[in-house]
Amino acid sequence: MHTQHLLAAASVTTMSAGRLGASIAAVLGLAGLVVGGLALARPAGRFGGRRGATLAVTAGLLGLVVAGLVVATSDSGIGTGNGRGGAYLALVAGLLAVALGGLGLTRHRRAG
């Protein structure tokens, strides 16, 4: 007898490990984007200056690492429930957060 192996996409409501990892990475990347934007817009605020820029870079890097792990360990393409699509978006958000945080750090260094 031959056994067929079919890859079925995960249900829309199923939270797989890949989806969870991609969601965590996306939240980290988006948090870094928000904090990095605040650090640039309000240098004297709570998340402004060096603290906010450092937090943005850290959150962005963590998001990049988690999203990279999800992409590296997913075994099929986008739309199968592995979280690969969300991880790609999280990579972009994390990269932008690192860029905003780096810009904030540069601006803080020049002002200081």
PDB file of N, CA and C in Angstrom:
ATOM      1  N   MET A   1       0.827  -1.183   0.000  1.00  0.00           N
ATOM      2  CA  MET A   1       0.000   0.000   0.000  1.00  0.00           C
ATOM      3  C   MET A   1       0.865   1.237   0.000  1.00  0.00           C
ATOM      4  N   HIS A   2       0.434   2.189  -0.736  1.00  0.00           N
ATOM      5  CA  HIS A   2       1.132   3.468  -0.781  1.00  0.00           C
ATOM      6  C   HIS A   2       0.459   4.440   0.158  1.00  0.00           C
ATOM      7  N   THR A   3       1.270   5.162   0.859  1.00  0.00           N
ATOM      8  CA  THR A   3       0.747   6.160   1.783  1.00  0.00           C
ATOM      9  C   THR A   3       0.941   7.536   1.171  1.00  0.00           C
ATOM     10  N   GLN A   4      -0.111   8.280   1.131  1.00  0.00           N
ATOM     11  CA  GLN A   4      -0.020   9.635   0.604  1.00  0.00           C
ATOM     12  C   GLN A   4       0.169  10.609   1.757  1.00  0.00           C
ATOM     13  N   HIS A   5       1.090  11.524   1.568  1.00  0.00           N
ATOM     14  CA  HIS A   5       1.309  12.591   2.554  1.00  0.00           C
ATOM     15  C   HIS A   5       0.801  13.884   1.959  1.00  0.00           C
ATOM     16  N   LEU A   6      -0.227  14.380   2.539  1.00  0.00           N
ATOM     17  CA  LEU A   6      -0.797  15.624   2.052  1.00  0.00           C
ATOM     18  C   LEU A   6      -0.514  16.733   3.046  1.00  0.00           C
ATOM     19  N   LEU A   7      -0.066  17.842   2.531  1.00  0.00           N
ATOM     20  CA  LEU A   7       0.133  19.014   3.373  1.00  0.00           C
ATOM     21  C   LEU A   7      -1.154  19.815   3.344  1.00  0.00           C
ATOM     22  N   ALA A   8      -1.780  19.909   4.459  1.00  0.00           N
ATOM     23  CA  ALA A   8      -3.004  20.690   4.553  1.00  0.00           C
ATOM     24  C   ALA A   8      -2.698  22.001   5.255  1.00  0.00           C
ATOM     25  N   ALA A   9      -3.302  23.038   4.753  1.00  0.00           N
ATOM     26  CA  ALA A   9      -3.123  24.341   5.393  1.00  0.00           C
ATOM     27  C   ALA A   9      -3.830  24.325   6.738  1.00  0.00           C
ATOM     28  N   ALA A  10      -3.258  25.053   7.681  1.00  0.00           N
ATOM     29  CA  ALA A  10      -3.862  25.146   9.004  1.00  0.00           C
ATOM     30  C   ALA A  10      -5.151  25.952   8.919  1.00  0.00           C
ATOM     31  N   SER A  11      -6.045  25.669   9.802  1.00  0.00           N
ATOM     32  CA  SER A  11      -7.298  26.407   9.870  1.00  0.00           C
ATOM     33  C   SER A  11      -7.019  27.867  10.203  1.00  0.00           C
ATOM     34  N   VAL A  12      -7.950  28.714   9.824  1.00  0.00           N
ATOM     35  CA  VAL A  12      -7.792  30.145  10.063  1.00  0.00           C
ATOM     36  C   VAL A  12      -7.687  30.443  11.552  1.00  0.00           C
ATOM     37  N   THR A  13      -8.377  29.676  12.369  1.00  0.00           N
ATOM     38  CA  THR A  13      -8.406  29.943  13.811  1.00  0.00           C
ATOM     39  C   THR A  13      -7.329  29.179  14.582  1.00  0.00           C
ATOM     40  N   THR A  14      -6.571  28.333  13.927  1.00  0.00           N
ATOM     41  CA  THR A  14      -5.537  27.557  14.598  1.00  0.00           C
ATOM     42  C   THR A  14      -4.311  28.423  14.844  1.00  0.00           C
ATOM     43  N   MET A  15      -3.800  28.396  16.061  1.00  0.00           N
ATOM     44  CA  MET A  15      -2.591  29.159  16.394  1.00  0.00           C
ATOM     45  C   MET A  15      -1.419  28.187  16.438  1.00  0.00           C
ATOM     46  N   SER A  16      -0.721  28.088  15.305  1.00  0.00           N
ATOM     47  CA  SER A  16       0.439  27.203  15.243  1.00  0.00           C
ATOM     48  C   SER A  16       1.644  27.894  15.875  1.00  0.00           C
ATOM     49  N   ALA A  17       2.701  27.128  16.079  1.00  0.00           N
ATOM     50  CA  ALA A  17       3.912  27.704  16.670  1.00  0.00           C
ATOM     51  C   ALA A  17       4.504  28.775  15.764  1.00  0.00           C
ATOM     52  N   GLY A  18       4.442  28.556  14.455  1.00  0.00           N
ATOM     53  CA  GLY A  18       4.952  29.552  13.514  1.00  0.00           C
ATOM     54  C   GLY A  18       4.145  30.834  13.550  1.00  0.00           C
ATOM     55  N   ARG A  19       2.837  30.701  13.619  1.00  0.00           N
ATOM     56  CA  ARG A  19       1.987  31.891  13.699  1.00  0.00           C
ATOM     57  C   ARG A  19       2.234  32.653  14.996  1.00  0.00           C
ATOM     58  N   LEU A  20       2.409  31.922  16.080  1.00  0.00           N
ATOM     59  CA  LEU A  20       2.678  32.566  17.362  1.00  0.00           C
ATOM     60  C   LEU A  20       4.017  33.305  17.321  1.00  0.00           C
ATOM     61  N   GLY A  21       5.036  32.650  16.789  1.00  0.00           N
ATOM     62  CA  GLY A  21       6.343  33.289  16.671  1.00  0.00           C
ATOM     63  C   GLY A  21       6.304  34.514  15.783  1.00  0.00           C
ATOM     64  N   ALA A  22       5.600  34.421  14.654  1.00  0.00           N
ATOM     65  CA  ALA A  22       5.483  35.563  13.752  1.00  0.00           C
ATOM     66  C   ALA A  22       4.717  36.703  14.417  1.00  0.00           C
ATOM     67  N   SER A  23       3.704  36.369  15.200  1.00  0.00           N
ATOM     68  CA  SER A  23       2.932  37.406  15.898  1.00  0.00           C
ATOM     69  C   SER A  23       3.789  38.117  16.937  1.00  0.00           C
ATOM     70  N   ILE A  24       4.576  37.352  17.684  1.00  0.00           N
ATOM     71  CA  ILE A  24       5.465  37.953  18.682  1.00  0.00           C
ATOM     72  C   ILE A  24       6.494  38.844  17.999  1.00  0.00           C
ATOM     73  N   ALA A  25       7.057  38.372  16.884  1.00  0.00           N
ATOM     74  CA  ALA A  25       8.042  39.164  16.153  1.00  0.00           C
ATOM     75  C   ALA A  25       7.418  40.445  15.603  1.00  0.00           C
ATOM     76  N   ALA A  26       6.184  40.344  15.114  1.00  0.00           N
ATOM     77  CA  ALA A  26       5.508  41.526  14.581  1.00  0.00           C
ATOM     78  C   ALA A  26       5.222  42.540  15.679  1.00  0.00           C
ATOM     79  N   VAL A  27       4.797  42.077  16.845  1.00  0.00           N
ATOM     80  CA  VAL A  27       4.537  42.989  17.961  1.00  0.00           C
ATOM     81  C   VAL A  27       5.833  43.683  18.389  1.00  0.00           C
ATOM     82  N   LEU A  28       6.930  42.938  18.447  1.00  0.00           N
ATOM     83  CA  LEU A  28       8.219  43.542  18.802  1.00  0.00           C
ATOM     84  C   LEU A  28       8.640  44.585  17.767  1.00  0.00           C
ATOM     85  N   GLY A  29       8.488  44.248  16.486  1.00  0.00           N
ATOM     86  CA  GLY A  29       8.852  45.183  15.434  1.00  0.00           C
ATOM     87  C   GLY A  29       7.992  46.434  15.448  1.00  0.00           C
ATOM     88  N   LEU A  30       6.688  46.259  15.631  1.00  0.00           N
ATOM     89  CA  LEU A  30       5.791  47.419  15.665  1.00  0.00           C
ATOM     90  C   LEU A  30       6.029  48.272  16.903  1.00  0.00           C
ATOM     91  N   ALA A  31       6.303  47.640  18.034  1.00  0.00           N
ATOM     92  CA  ALA A  31       6.625  48.401  19.248  1.00  0.00           C
ATOM     93  C   ALA A  31       7.895  49.213  19.028  1.00  0.00           C
ATOM     94  N   GLY A  32       8.879  48.614  18.386  1.00  0.00           N
ATOM     95  CA  GLY A  32      10.106  49.337  18.070  1.00  0.00           C
ATOM     96  C   GLY A  32       9.859  50.502  17.135  1.00  0.00           C
ATOM     97  N   LEU A  33       8.961  50.307  16.161  1.00  0.00           N
ATOM     98  CA  LEU A  33       8.612  51.402  15.254  1.00  0.00           C
ATOM     99  C   LEU A  33       7.968  52.561  15.997  1.00  0.00           C
ATOM    100  N   VAL A  34       7.026  52.250  16.875  1.00  0.00           N
ATOM    101  CA  VAL A  34       6.326  53.294  17.623  1.00  0.00           C
ATOM    102  C   VAL A  34       7.297  54.037  18.543  1.00  0.00           C
ATOM    103  N   VAL A  35       8.100  53.301  19.280  1.00  0.00           N
ATOM    104  CA  VAL A  35       9.045  53.930  20.215  1.00  0.00           C
ATOM    105  C   VAL A  35      10.103  54.720  19.447  1.00  0.00           C
ATOM    106  N   GLY A  36      10.562  54.184  18.321  1.00  0.00           N
ATOM    107  CA  GLY A  36      11.537  54.916  17.506  1.00  0.00           C
ATOM    108  C   GLY A  36      10.953  56.200  16.948  1.00  0.00           C
ATOM    109  N   GLY A  37       9.693  56.147  16.521  1.00  0.00           N
ATOM    110  CA  GLY A  37       9.033  57.359  16.047  1.00  0.00           C
ATOM    111  C   GLY A  37       8.874  58.386  17.150  1.00  0.00           C
ATOM    112  N   LEU A  38       8.518  57.920  18.339  1.00  0.00           N
ATOM    113  CA  LEU A  38       8.395  58.831  19.477  1.00  0.00           C
ATOM    114  C   LEU A  38       9.748  59.426  19.867  1.00  0.00           C
ATOM    115  N   ALA A  39      10.794  58.622  19.770  1.00  0.00           N
ATOM    116  CA  ALA A  39      12.129  59.115  20.111  1.00  0.00           C
ATOM    117  C   ALA A  39      12.563  60.216  19.150  1.00  0.00           C
ATOM    118  N   LEU A  40      12.159  60.099  17.891  1.00  0.00           N
ATOM    119  CA  LEU A  40      12.515  61.141  16.930  1.00  0.00           C
ATOM    120  C   LEU A  40      11.617  62.367  17.064  1.00  0.00           C
ATOM    121  N   ALA A  41      10.333  62.137  17.314  1.00  0.00           N
ATOM    122  CA  ALA A  41       9.382  63.247  17.367  1.00  0.00           C
ATOM    123  C   ALA A  41       9.482  64.038  18.662  1.00  0.00           C
ATOM    124  N   ARG A  42       9.725  63.360  19.765  1.00  0.00           N
ATOM    125  CA  ARG A  42       9.773  64.011  21.081  1.00  0.00           C
ATOM    126  C   ARG A  42      11.068  63.647  21.793  1.00  0.00           C
ATOM    127  N   PRO A  43      12.127  64.362  21.511  1.00  0.00           N
ATOM    128  CA  PRO A  43      13.411  64.001  22.120  1.00  0.00           C
ATOM    129  C   PRO A  43      13.447  64.144  23.642  1.00  0.00           C
ATOM    130  N   ALA A  44      12.524  64.917  24.219  1.00  0.00           N
ATOM    131  CA  ALA A  44      12.545  65.111  25.672  1.00  0.00           C
ATOM    132  C   ALA A  44      11.448  64.331  26.379  1.00  0.00           C
ATOM    133  N   GLY A  45      10.680  63.534  25.663  1.00  0.00           N
ATOM    134  CA  GLY A  45       9.567  62.810  26.269  1.00  0.00           C
ATOM    135  C   GLY A  45      10.012  61.555  26.991  1.00  0.00           C
ATOM    136  N   ARG A  46       9.024  60.776  27.423  1.00  0.00           N
ATOM    137  CA  ARG A  46       9.292  59.545  28.167  1.00  0.00           C
ATOM    138  C   ARG A  46      10.099  58.546  27.333  1.00  0.00           C
ATOM    139  N   PHE A  47       9.725  58.396  26.070  1.00  0.00           N
ATOM    140  CA  PHE A  47      10.444  57.471  25.188  1.00  0.00           C
ATOM    141  C   PHE A  47      11.348  58.221  24.228  1.00  0.00           C
ATOM    142  N   GLY A  48      11.732  59.420  24.592  1.00  0.00           N
ATOM    143  CA  GLY A  48      12.566  60.224  23.721  1.00  0.00           C
ATOM    144  C   GLY A  48      14.041  60.070  24.041  1.00  0.00           C
ATOM    145  N   GLY A  49      14.833  60.654  23.172  1.00  0.00           N
ATOM    146  CA  GLY A  49      16.268  60.670  23.387  1.00  0.00           C
ATOM    147  C   GLY A  49      16.913  59.309  23.279  1.00  0.00           C
ATOM    148  N   ARG A  50      17.980  59.148  24.016  1.00  0.00           N
ATOM    149  CA  ARG A  50      18.781  57.928  23.934  1.00  0.00           C
ATOM    150  C   ARG A  50      18.013  56.686  24.407  1.00  0.00           C
ATOM    151  N   ARG A  51      17.219  56.841  25.449  1.00  0.00           N
ATOM    152  CA  ARG A  51      16.474  55.694  25.992  1.00  0.00           C
ATOM    153  C   ARG A  51      15.502  55.120  24.959  1.00  0.00           C
ATOM    154  N   GLY A  52      14.727  55.990  24.345  1.00  0.00           N
ATOM    155  CA  GLY A  52      13.762  55.529  23.352  1.00  0.00           C
ATOM    156  C   GLY A  52      14.421  54.940  22.126  1.00  0.00           C
ATOM    157  N   ALA A  53      15.508  55.570  21.677  1.00  0.00           N
ATOM    158  CA  ALA A  53      16.209  55.062  20.503  1.00  0.00           C
ATOM    159  C   ALA A  53      16.827  53.693  20.785  1.00  0.00           C
ATOM    160  N   THR A  54      17.392  53.535  21.971  1.00  0.00           N
ATOM    161  CA  THR A  54      17.972  52.245  22.346  1.00  0.00           C
ATOM    162  C   THR A  54      16.897  51.168  22.457  1.00  0.00           C
ATOM    163  N   LEU A  55      15.763  51.537  23.020  1.00  0.00           N
ATOM    164  CA  LEU A  55      14.649  50.601  23.131  1.00  0.00           C
ATOM    165  C   LEU A  55      14.132  50.197  21.759  1.00  0.00           C
ATOM    166  N   ALA A  56      14.070  51.144  20.829  1.00  0.00           N
ATOM    167  CA  ALA A  56      13.614  50.844  19.469  1.00  0.00           C
ATOM    168  C   ALA A  56      14.569  49.882  18.770  1.00  0.00           C
ATOM    169  N   VAL A  57      15.864  50.126  18.906  1.00  0.00           N
ATOM    170  CA  VAL A  57      16.847  49.232  18.283  1.00  0.00           C
ATOM    171  C   VAL A  57      16.765  47.834  18.899  1.00  0.00           C
ATOM    172  N   THR A  58      16.630  47.755  20.207  1.00  0.00           N
ATOM    173  CA  THR A  58      16.556  46.464  20.886  1.00  0.00           C
ATOM    174  C   THR A  58      15.307  45.688  20.473  1.00  0.00           C
ATOM    175  N   ALA A  59      14.152  46.350  20.479  1.00  0.00           N
ATOM    176  CA  ALA A  59      12.910  45.681  20.082  1.00  0.00           C
ATOM    177  C   ALA A  59      12.975  45.255  18.619  1.00  0.00           C
ATOM    178  N   GLY A  60      13.536  46.109  17.773  1.00  0.00           N
ATOM    179  CA  GLY A  60      13.666  45.763  16.363  1.00  0.00           C
ATOM    180  C   GLY A  60      14.572  44.567  16.139  1.00  0.00           C
ATOM    181  N   LEU A  61      15.700  44.529  16.843  1.00  0.00           N
ATOM    182  CA  LEU A  61      16.619  43.395  16.707  1.00  0.00           C
ATOM    183  C   LEU A  61      16.000  42.096  17.210  1.00  0.00           C
ATOM    184  N   LEU A  62      15.295  42.171  18.336  1.00  0.00           N
ATOM    185  CA  LEU A  62      14.621  40.970  18.841  1.00  0.00           C
ATOM    186  C   LEU A  62      13.556  40.488  17.848  1.00  0.00           C
ATOM    187  N   GLY A  63      12.813  41.427  17.281  1.00  0.00           N
ATOM    188  CA  GLY A  63      11.819  41.070  16.272  1.00  0.00           C
ATOM    189  C   GLY A  63      12.457  40.431  15.052  1.00  0.00           C
ATOM    190  N   LEU A  64      13.603  40.965  14.636  1.00  0.00           N
ATOM    191  CA  LEU A  64      14.317  40.391  13.490  1.00  0.00           C
ATOM    192  C   LEU A  64      14.776  38.962  13.778  1.00  0.00           C
ATOM    193  N   VAL A  65      15.295  38.743  14.970  1.00  0.00           N
ATOM    194  CA  VAL A  65      15.791  37.401  15.329  1.00  0.00           C
ATOM    195  C   VAL A  65      14.644  36.393  15.364  1.00  0.00           C
ATOM    196  N   VAL A  66      13.545  36.757  16.024  1.00  0.00           N
ATOM    197  CA  VAL A  66      12.414  35.831  16.129  1.00  0.00           C
ATOM    198  C   VAL A  66      11.813  35.569  14.749  1.00  0.00           C
ATOM    199  N   ALA A  67      11.646  36.612  13.955  1.00  0.00           N
ATOM    200  CA  ALA A  67      11.091  36.431  12.607  1.00  0.00           C
ATOM    201  C   ALA A  67      12.026  35.601  11.730  1.00  0.00           C
ATOM    202  N   GLY A  68      13.317  35.823  11.875  1.00  0.00           N
ATOM    203  CA  GLY A  68      14.275  35.020  11.123  1.00  0.00           C
ATOM    204  C   GLY A  68      14.215  33.552  11.489  1.00  0.00           C
ATOM    205  N   LEU A  69      14.015  33.267  12.774  1.00  0.00           N
ATOM    206  CA  LEU A  69      13.860  31.871  13.198  1.00  0.00           C
ATOM    207  C   LEU A  69      12.603  31.237  12.615  1.00  0.00           C
ATOM    208  N   VAL A  70      11.525  32.010  12.572  1.00  0.00           N
ATOM    209  CA  VAL A  70      10.272  31.482  12.007  1.00  0.00           C
ATOM    210  C   VAL A  70      10.453  31.190  10.525  1.00  0.00           C
ATOM    211  N   VAL A  71      11.088  32.102   9.789  1.00  0.00           N
ATOM    212  CA  VAL A  71      11.307  31.878   8.359  1.00  0.00           C
ATOM    213  C   VAL A  71      12.224  30.681   8.142  1.00  0.00           C
ATOM    214  N   ALA A  72      13.278  30.581   8.947  1.00  0.00           N
ATOM    215  CA  ALA A  72      14.242  29.501   8.768  1.00  0.00           C
ATOM    216  C   ALA A  72      13.660  28.126   9.100  1.00  0.00           C
ATOM    217  N   THR A  73      12.712  28.071  10.029  1.00  0.00           N
ATOM    218  CA  THR A  73      12.197  26.769  10.459  1.00  0.00           C
ATOM    219  C   THR A  73      10.868  26.391   9.819  1.00  0.00           C
ATOM    220  N   SER A  74      10.250  27.283   9.069  1.00  0.00           N
ATOM    221  CA  SER A  74       8.981  26.913   8.430  1.00  0.00           C
ATOM    222  C   SER A  74       9.280  25.984   7.258  1.00  0.00           C
ATOM    223  N   ASP A  75       8.445  24.987   7.105  1.00  0.00           N
ATOM    224  CA  ASP A  75       8.725  23.962   6.107  1.00  0.00           C
ATOM    225  C   ASP A  75       7.870  24.073   4.848  1.00  0.00           C
ATOM    226  N   SER A  76       7.083  25.096   4.731  1.00  0.00           N
ATOM    227  CA  SER A  76       6.317  25.286   3.504  1.00  0.00           C
ATOM    228  C   SER A  76       6.071  26.767   3.288  1.00  0.00           C
ATOM    229  N   GLY A  77       5.332  27.086   2.268  1.00  0.00           N
ATOM    230  CA  GLY A  77       5.208  28.469   1.819  1.00  0.00           C
ATOM    231  C   GLY A  77       4.183  29.296   2.552  1.00  0.00           C
ATOM    232  N   ILE A  78       3.959  30.465   1.990  1.00  0.00           N
ATOM    233  CA  ILE A  78       2.994  31.408   2.544  1.00  0.00           C
ATOM    234  C   ILE A  78       1.581  30.864   2.328  1.00  0.00           C
ATOM    235  N   GLY A  79       0.743  31.036   3.319  1.00  0.00           N
ATOM    236  CA  GLY A  79      -0.635  30.595   3.208  1.00  0.00           C
ATOM    237  C   GLY A  79      -0.904  29.201   3.734  1.00  0.00           C
ATOM    238  N   THR A  80       0.105  28.581   4.331  1.00  0.00           N
ATOM    239  CA  THR A  80      -0.081  27.226   4.853  1.00  0.00           C
ATOM    240  C   THR A  80      -0.242  27.184   6.365  1.00  0.00           C
ATOM    241  N   GLY A  81      -0.147  28.325   7.015  1.00  0.00           N
ATOM    242  CA  GLY A  81      -0.327  28.363   8.464  1.00  0.00           C
ATOM    243  C   GLY A  81       0.949  28.272   9.250  1.00  0.00           C
ATOM    244  N   ASN A  82       2.094  28.340   8.570  1.00  0.00           N
ATOM    245  CA  ASN A  82       3.372  28.248   9.273  1.00  0.00           C
ATOM    246  C   ASN A  82       3.858  29.580   9.812  1.00  0.00           C
ATOM    247  N   GLY A  83       3.223  30.659   9.459  1.00  0.00           N
ATOM    248  CA  GLY A  83       3.627  31.969   9.932  1.00  0.00           C
ATOM    249  C   GLY A  83       4.673  32.641   9.078  1.00  0.00           C
ATOM    250  N   ARG A  84       4.967  32.067   7.933  1.00  0.00           N
ATOM    251  CA  ARG A  84       6.016  32.625   7.078  1.00  0.00           C
ATOM    252  C   ARG A  84       5.645  34.012   6.556  1.00  0.00           C
ATOM    253  N   GLY A  85       4.405  34.216   6.152  1.00  0.00           N
ATOM    254  CA  GLY A  85       3.976  35.525   5.663  1.00  0.00           C
ATOM    255  C   GLY A  85       4.069  36.595   6.740  1.00  0.00           C
ATOM    256  N   GLY A  86       3.605  36.267   7.937  1.00  0.00           N
ATOM    257  CA  GLY A  86       3.707  37.197   9.058  1.00  0.00           C
ATOM    258  C   GLY A  86       5.145  37.463   9.448  1.00  0.00           C
ATOM    259  N   ALA A  87       5.989  36.447   9.325  1.00  0.00           N
ATOM    260  CA  ALA A  87       7.401  36.619   9.659  1.00  0.00           C
ATOM    261  C   ALA A  87       8.079  37.563   8.672  1.00  0.00           C
ATOM    262  N   TYR A  88       7.706  37.477   7.391  1.00  0.00           N
ATOM    263  CA  TYR A  88       8.268  38.413   6.411  1.00  0.00           C
ATOM    264  C   TYR A  88       7.874  39.846   6.758  1.00  0.00           C
ATOM    265  N   LEU A  89       6.629  40.045   7.129  1.00  0.00           N
ATOM    266  CA  LEU A  89       6.193  41.389   7.531  1.00  0.00           C
ATOM    267  C   LEU A  89       6.900  41.840   8.803  1.00  0.00           C
ATOM    268  N   ALA A  90       7.111  40.920   9.727  1.00  0.00           N
ATOM    269  CA  ALA A  90       7.815  41.249  10.965  1.00  0.00           C
ATOM    270  C   ALA A  90       9.276  41.599  10.692  1.00  0.00           C
ATOM    271  N   LEU A  91       9.888  40.960   9.690  1.00  0.00           N
ATOM    272  CA  LEU A  91      11.255  41.306   9.314  1.00  0.00           C
ATOM    273  C   LEU A  91      11.335  42.756   8.837  1.00  0.00           C
ATOM    274  N   VAL A  92      10.358  43.162   8.037  1.00  0.00           N
ATOM    275  CA  VAL A  92      10.333  44.541   7.544  1.00  0.00           C
ATOM    276  C   VAL A  92      10.126  45.512   8.707  1.00  0.00           C
ATOM    277  N   ALA A  93       9.165  45.204   9.596  1.00  0.00           N
ATOM    278  CA  ALA A  93       8.902  46.079  10.738  1.00  0.00           C
ATOM    279  C   ALA A  93      10.128  46.167  11.651  1.00  0.00           C
ATOM    280  N   GLY A  94      10.790  45.057  11.892  1.00  0.00           N
ATOM    281  CA  GLY A  94      11.985  45.054  12.731  1.00  0.00           C
ATOM    282  C   GLY A  94      13.125  45.846  12.108  1.00  0.00           C
ATOM    283  N   LEU A  95      13.285  45.709  10.801  1.00  0.00           N
ATOM    284  CA  LEU A  95      14.333  46.453  10.113  1.00  0.00           C
ATOM    285  C   LEU A  95      14.068  47.954  10.171  1.00  0.00           C
ATOM    286  N   LEU A  96      12.823  48.345   9.976  1.00  0.00           N
ATOM    287  CA  LEU A  96      12.468  49.765  10.070  1.00  0.00           C
ATOM    288  C   LEU A  96      12.649  50.293  11.499  1.00  0.00           C
ATOM    289  N   ALA A  97      12.326  49.465  12.492  1.00  0.00           N
ATOM    290  CA  ALA A  97      12.522  49.878  13.892  1.00  0.00           C
ATOM    291  C   ALA A  97      13.993  50.094  14.195  1.00  0.00           C
ATOM    292  N   VAL A  98      14.846  49.204  13.702  1.00  0.00           N
ATOM    293  CA  VAL A  98      16.289  49.368  13.907  1.00  0.00           C
ATOM    294  C   VAL A  98      16.773  50.638  13.219  1.00  0.00           C
ATOM    295  N   ALA A  99      16.261  50.905  12.012  1.00  0.00           N
ATOM    296  CA  ALA A  99      16.666  52.113  11.290  1.00  0.00           C
ATOM    297  C   ALA A  99      16.226  53.375  12.031  1.00  0.00           C
ATOM    298  N   LEU A 100      14.975  53.399  12.510  1.00  0.00           N
ATOM    299  CA  LEU A 100      14.497  54.568  13.256  1.00  0.00           C
ATOM    300  C   LEU A 100      15.284  54.751  14.554  1.00  0.00           C
ATOM    301  N   GLY A 101      15.525  53.660  15.257  1.00  0.00           N
ATOM    302  CA  GLY A 101      16.299  53.742  16.490  1.00  0.00           C
ATOM    303  C   GLY A 101      17.722  54.200  16.235  1.00  0.00           C
ATOM    304  N   GLY A 102      18.325  53.695  15.169  1.00  0.00           N
ATOM    305  CA  GLY A 102      19.674  54.125  14.814  1.00  0.00           C
ATOM    306  C   GLY A 102      19.720  55.601  14.450  1.00  0.00           C
ATOM    307  N   LEU A 103      18.702  56.068  13.739  1.00  0.00           N
ATOM    308  CA  LEU A 103      18.613  57.491  13.417  1.00  0.00           C
ATOM    309  C   LEU A 103      18.461  58.323  14.682  1.00  0.00           C
ATOM    310  N   GLY A 104      17.654  57.830  15.624  1.00  0.00           N
ATOM    311  CA  GLY A 104      17.497  58.530  16.892  1.00  0.00           C
ATOM    312  C   GLY A 104      18.785  58.577  17.698  1.00  0.00           C
ATOM    313  N   LEU A 105      19.529  57.468  17.698  1.00  0.00           N
ATOM    314  CA  LEU A 105      20.808  57.450  18.403  1.00  0.00           C
ATOM    315  C   LEU A 105      21.809  58.405  17.760  1.00  0.00           C
ATOM    316  N   THR A 106      21.832  58.442  16.450  1.00  0.00           N
ATOM    317  CA  THR A 106      22.717  59.359  15.754  1.00  0.00           C
ATOM    318  C   THR A 106      22.361  60.806  16.049  1.00  0.00           C
ATOM    319  N   ARG A 107      21.076  61.097  16.025  1.00  0.00           N
ATOM    320  CA  ARG A 107      20.627  62.452  16.307  1.00  0.00           C
ATOM    321  C   ARG A 107      20.963  62.845  17.751  1.00  0.00           C
ATOM    322  N   HIS A 108      20.793  61.904  18.677  1.00  0.00           N
ATOM    323  CA  HIS A 108      21.105  62.201  20.075  1.00  0.00           C
ATOM    324  C   HIS A 108      22.597  62.438  20.275  1.00  0.00           C
ATOM    325  N   ARG A 109      23.416  61.660  19.576  1.00  0.00           N
ATOM    326  CA  ARG A 109      24.861  61.793  19.696  1.00  0.00           C
ATOM    327  C   ARG A 109      25.346  63.140  19.158  1.00  0.00           C
ATOM    328  N   ARG A 110      24.733  63.579  18.058  1.00  0.00           N
ATOM    329  CA  ARG A 110      25.119  64.863  17.473  1.00  0.00           C
ATOM    330  C   ARG A 110      24.692  66.028  18.361  1.00  0.00           C
ATOM    331  N   ALA A 111      23.532  65.888  18.999  1.00  0.00           N
ATOM    332  CA  ALA A 111      23.029  66.975  19.849  1.00  0.00           C
ATOM    333  C   ALA A 111      23.810  67.061  21.157  1.00  0.00           C
ATOM    334  N   GLY A 112      24.347  65.940  21.596  1.00  0.00           N
ATOM    335  CA  GLY A 112      25.023  65.884  22.901  1.00  0.00           C
ATOM    336  C   GLY A 112      26.431  66.213  22.829  1.00  0.00           C
TER     337      GLY A 112
END
